Structure formats: C-alpha cells, structure tokens
C-alpha atoms as a PDB file:
ATOM      1  CA  MET A   1      78.774 100.863 122.227  1.00  0.00           C
ATOM      2  CA  ALA A   2      76.518  99.245 119.452  1.00  0.00           C
ATOM      3  CA  MET A   3      75.669 102.795 118.335  1.00  0.00           C
ATOM      4  CA  ILE A   4      79.429 103.586 117.846  1.00  0.00           C
ATOM      5  CA  LEU A   5      79.804 100.488 115.521  1.00  0.00           C
ATOM      6  CA  LYS A   6      76.845 101.535 113.790  1.00  0.00           C
ATOM      7  CA  ASN A   7      78.059 105.027 113.191  1.00  0.00           C
ATOM      8  CA  MET A   8      81.566 103.491 112.048  1.00  0.00           C
ATOM      9  CA  VAL A   9      79.789 101.321 109.557  1.00  0.00           C
ATOM     10  CA  LEU A  10      77.735 104.335 108.036  1.00  0.00           C
ATOM     11  CA  ILE A  11      80.692 106.401 107.897  1.00  0.00           C
ATOM     12  CA  THR A  12      82.570 103.446 105.941  1.00  0.00           C
ATOM     13  CA  GLN A  13      79.623 103.300 103.693  1.00  0.00           C
ATOM     14  CA  ASP A  14      79.778 106.903 102.858  1.00  0.00           C
ATOM     15  CA  MET A  15      83.472 106.819 102.280  1.00  0.00           C
ATOM     16  CA  VAL A  16      82.926 103.845  99.815  1.00  0.00           C
ATOM     17  CA  LEU A  17      80.197 105.703  97.883  1.00  0.00           C
ATOM     18  CA  ILE A  18      82.511 108.739  97.648  1.00  0.00           C
ATOM     19  CA  LEU A  19      85.157 106.706  96.285  1.00  0.00           C
ATOM     20  CA  GLU A  20      83.343 105.090  93.740  1.00  0.00           C
ATOM     21  CA  VAL A  21      81.710 108.234  92.565  1.00  0.00           C
ATOM     22  CA  THR A  22      85.393 110.001  92.410  1.00  0.00           C
ATOM     23  CA  GLU A  23      86.378 106.872  90.514  1.00  0.00           C
ATOM     24  CA  ALA A  24      83.560 106.977  88.026  1.00  0.00           C
ATOM     25  CA  GLU A  25      84.500 110.757  87.449  1.00  0.00           C
ATOM     26  CA  VAL A  26      88.015 109.953  86.648  1.00  0.00           C
ATOM     27  CA  VAL A  27      87.460 107.273  84.235  1.00  0.00           C
ATOM     28  CA  GLU A  28      84.936 109.538  82.380  1.00  0.00           C
ATOM     29  CA  THR A  29      87.627 112.364  82.265  1.00  0.00           C
ATOM     30  CA  LEU A  30      90.207 109.968  81.033  1.00  0.00           C
ATOM     31  CA  GLU A  31      88.083 108.783  78.483  1.00  0.00           C
ATOM     32  CA  ALA A  32      87.036 112.151  77.322  1.00  0.00           C
ATOM     33  CA  GLU A  33      90.712 113.238  76.958  1.00  0.00           C
ATOM     34  CA  VAL A  34      91.955 110.040  74.836  1.00  0.00           C
END
C-alpha cells in the first residue's frame, strides 16, 4: 500500500514539473511574439 502511495506522489511531482516547464515555454513564446 505504501508503495502505491509513493508512486502516486512521484507521478504527481512529475506532472507538476511538466506543467511548470510547459508554462515557462508558453510564456517565452508569448513574450517573443509581442
């Protein structure tokens, strides 16, 4: 059971990192177009 929870936490952290990177890329793109 603990392993499942641990894996869920890791997956969530990965998703947050991906969202942060994607957001940074979008901001850079928008700033470049202005």
